[in-house]
């Protein structure tokens, strides 16, 4: 237990200004049963990054996850994730 805790602290110190986990977008779950719930997605879309004034290359360098395949289907979720950035 102690060695794992020390290893985590050592890793956090090594990548000092960056967070341990990447910043991820909030997305809605898929099927009708779970569509009201939200969860963390794989990465922000290029459209969300552009609206926030960031490039994909810069976003990755500061610890923001980027997903080139994801698309925005609603304006509300786009605005929510831009505010998250």
C-alpha atoms as a PDB file:
ATOM      1  CA  UNK A   1       0.000   0.000   0.000  1.00  0.00           C
ATOM      2  CA  UNK A   2       2.717   2.422   0.976  1.00  0.00           C
ATOM      3  CA  UNK A   3       4.851   1.728  -2.093  1.00  0.00           C
ATOM      4  CA  UNK A   4       1.878   2.328  -4.419  1.00  0.00           C
ATOM      5  CA  UNK A   5       1.112   5.619  -2.647  1.00  0.00           C
ATOM      6  CA  UNK A   6       4.735   6.723  -2.957  1.00  0.00           C
ATOM      7  CA  UNK A   7       4.793   5.719  -6.634  1.00  0.00           C
ATOM      8  CA  UNK A   8       1.676   7.837  -7.293  1.00  0.00           C
ATOM      9  CA  UNK A   9       3.242  10.806  -5.499  1.00  0.00           C
ATOM     10  CA  UNK A  10       6.468  10.365  -7.501  1.00  0.00           C
ATOM     11  CA  UNK A  11       4.518  10.286 -10.781  1.00  0.00           C
ATOM     12  CA  UNK A  12       2.546  13.402  -9.790  1.00  0.00           C
ATOM     13  CA  UNK A  13       5.786  15.239  -8.987  1.00  0.00           C
ATOM     14  CA  UNK A  14       7.364  14.181 -12.296  1.00  0.00           C
ATOM     15  CA  UNK A  15       4.565  15.694 -14.416  1.00  0.00           C
ATOM     16  CA  UNK A  16       4.197  18.624 -12.009  1.00  0.00           C
ATOM     17  CA  UNK A  17       2.083  21.290 -13.764  1.00  0.00           C
ATOM     18  CA  UNK A  18      -0.122  18.762 -15.628  1.00  0.00           C
ATOM     19  CA  UNK A  19      -2.958  16.935 -13.827  1.00  0.00           C
ATOM     20  CA  UNK A  20      -2.796  13.175 -13.213  1.00  0.00           C
ATOM     21  CA  UNK A  21      -5.911  12.470 -15.295  1.00  0.00           C
ATOM     22  CA  UNK A  22      -6.781  14.178 -18.545  1.00  0.00           C
ATOM     23  CA  UNK A  23      -9.711  16.604 -18.679  1.00  0.00           C
ATOM     24  CA  UNK A  24     -12.594  14.797 -20.414  1.00  0.00           C
ATOM     25  CA  UNK A  25     -15.960  16.016 -21.766  1.00  0.00           C
ATOM     26  CA  UNK A  26     -19.400  15.245 -20.328  1.00  0.00           C
ATOM     27  CA  UNK A  27     -21.431  13.050 -22.690  1.00  0.00           C
ATOM     28  CA  UNK A  28     -24.829  11.350 -22.521  1.00  0.00           C
ATOM     29  CA  UNK A  29     -25.069   7.565 -22.266  1.00  0.00           C
ATOM     30  CA  UNK A  30     -26.337   5.738 -25.333  1.00  0.00           C
ATOM     31  CA  UNK A  31     -29.546   3.750 -25.038  1.00  0.00           C
ATOM     32  CA  UNK A  32     -33.012   5.025 -24.164  1.00  0.00           C
ATOM     33  CA  UNK A  33     -32.758   3.586 -20.651  1.00  0.00           C
ATOM     34  CA  UNK A  34     -29.547   5.470 -19.798  1.00  0.00           C
ATOM     35  CA  UNK A  35     -29.891   8.557 -22.033  1.00  0.00           C
ATOM     36  CA  UNK A  36     -30.803  10.810 -19.099  1.00  0.00           C
ATOM     37  CA  UNK A  37     -27.493  10.009 -17.380  1.00  0.00           C
ATOM     38  CA  UNK A  38     -24.199  11.696 -18.155  1.00  0.00           C
ATOM     39  CA  UNK A  39     -20.669  10.337 -17.937  1.00  0.00           C
ATOM     40  CA  UNK A  40     -17.135  11.327 -18.912  1.00  0.00           C
ATOM     41  CA  UNK A  41     -16.371  10.819 -22.587  1.00  0.00           C
ATOM     42  CA  UNK A  42     -13.182   9.893 -24.446  1.00  0.00           C
ATOM     43  CA  UNK A  43     -12.210  13.401 -25.520  1.00  0.00           C
ATOM     44  CA  UNK A  44     -13.357  16.830 -26.652  1.00  0.00           C
ATOM     45  CA  UNK A  45     -14.373  17.394 -30.284  1.00  0.00           C
ATOM     46  CA  UNK A  46     -12.424  19.720 -32.563  1.00  0.00           C
ATOM     47  CA  UNK A  47     -15.494  21.987 -32.695  1.00  0.00           C
ATOM     48  CA  UNK A  48     -15.527  22.321 -28.884  1.00  0.00           C
ATOM     49  CA  UNK A  49     -11.809  23.103 -28.820  1.00  0.00           C
ATOM     50  CA  UNK A  50     -12.225  25.702 -31.577  1.00  0.00           C
ATOM     51  CA  UNK A  51     -15.109  27.382 -29.708  1.00  0.00           C
ATOM     52  CA  UNK A  52     -12.919  27.559 -26.603  1.00  0.00           C
ATOM     53  CA  UNK A  53     -10.052  29.034 -28.646  1.00  0.00           C
ATOM     54  CA  UNK A  54      -7.650  26.083 -28.335  1.00  0.00           C
ATOM     55  CA  UNK A  55      -5.817  24.006 -30.928  1.00  0.00           C
ATOM     56  CA  UNK A  56      -5.829  20.211 -30.702  1.00  0.00           C
ATOM     57  CA  UNK A  57      -2.045  20.077 -30.416  1.00  0.00           C
ATOM     58  CA  UNK A  58      -1.971  22.610 -27.565  1.00  0.00           C
ATOM     59  CA  UNK A  59      -4.876  20.907 -25.772  1.00  0.00           C
ATOM     60  CA  UNK A  60      -3.049  17.579 -25.737  1.00  0.00           C
ATOM     61  CA  UNK A  61       0.100  19.205 -24.416  1.00  0.00           C
ATOM     62  CA  UNK A  62      -1.717  20.622 -21.367  1.00  0.00           C
ATOM     63  CA  UNK A  63      -3.612  17.442 -20.463  1.00  0.00           C
ATOM     64  CA  UNK A  64      -6.924  17.784 -22.316  1.00  0.00           C
ATOM     65  CA  UNK A  65      -8.206  14.660 -24.085  1.00  0.00           C
ATOM     66  CA  UNK A  66      -9.049  15.098 -27.792  1.00  0.00           C
ATOM     67  CA  UNK A  67     -11.304  12.761 -29.818  1.00  0.00           C
ATOM     68  CA  UNK A  68     -11.218  13.343 -33.580  1.00  0.00           C
ATOM     69  CA  UNK A  69     -14.099  10.929 -34.248  1.00  0.00           C
ATOM     70  CA  UNK A  70     -16.661  12.413 -31.856  1.00  0.00           C
ATOM     71  CA  UNK A  71     -19.250  14.834 -33.268  1.00  0.00           C
ATOM     72  CA  UNK A  72     -21.578  17.335 -31.592  1.00  0.00           C
ATOM     73  CA  UNK A  73     -25.255  16.543 -32.070  1.00  0.00           C
ATOM     74  CA  UNK A  74     -26.781  19.198 -29.798  1.00  0.00           C
ATOM     75  CA  UNK A  75     -25.912  22.802 -29.134  1.00  0.00           C
ATOM     76  CA  UNK A  76     -26.523  22.396 -25.378  1.00  0.00           C
ATOM     77  CA  UNK A  77     -23.836  19.747 -24.918  1.00  0.00           C
ATOM     78  CA  UNK A  78     -21.432  21.781 -27.061  1.00  0.00           C
ATOM     79  CA  UNK A  79     -21.884  24.843 -24.823  1.00  0.00           C
ATOM     80  CA  UNK A  80     -21.598  22.724 -21.665  1.00  0.00           C
ATOM     81  CA  UNK A  81     -18.268  21.246 -22.763  1.00  0.00           C
ATOM     82  CA  UNK A  82     -16.905  24.593 -23.973  1.00  0.00           C
ATOM     83  CA  UNK A  83     -17.671  25.972 -20.503  1.00  0.00           C
ATOM     84  CA  UNK A  84     -15.870  22.937 -19.037  1.00  0.00           C
ATOM     85  CA  UNK A  85     -12.741  23.864 -20.998  1.00  0.00           C
END
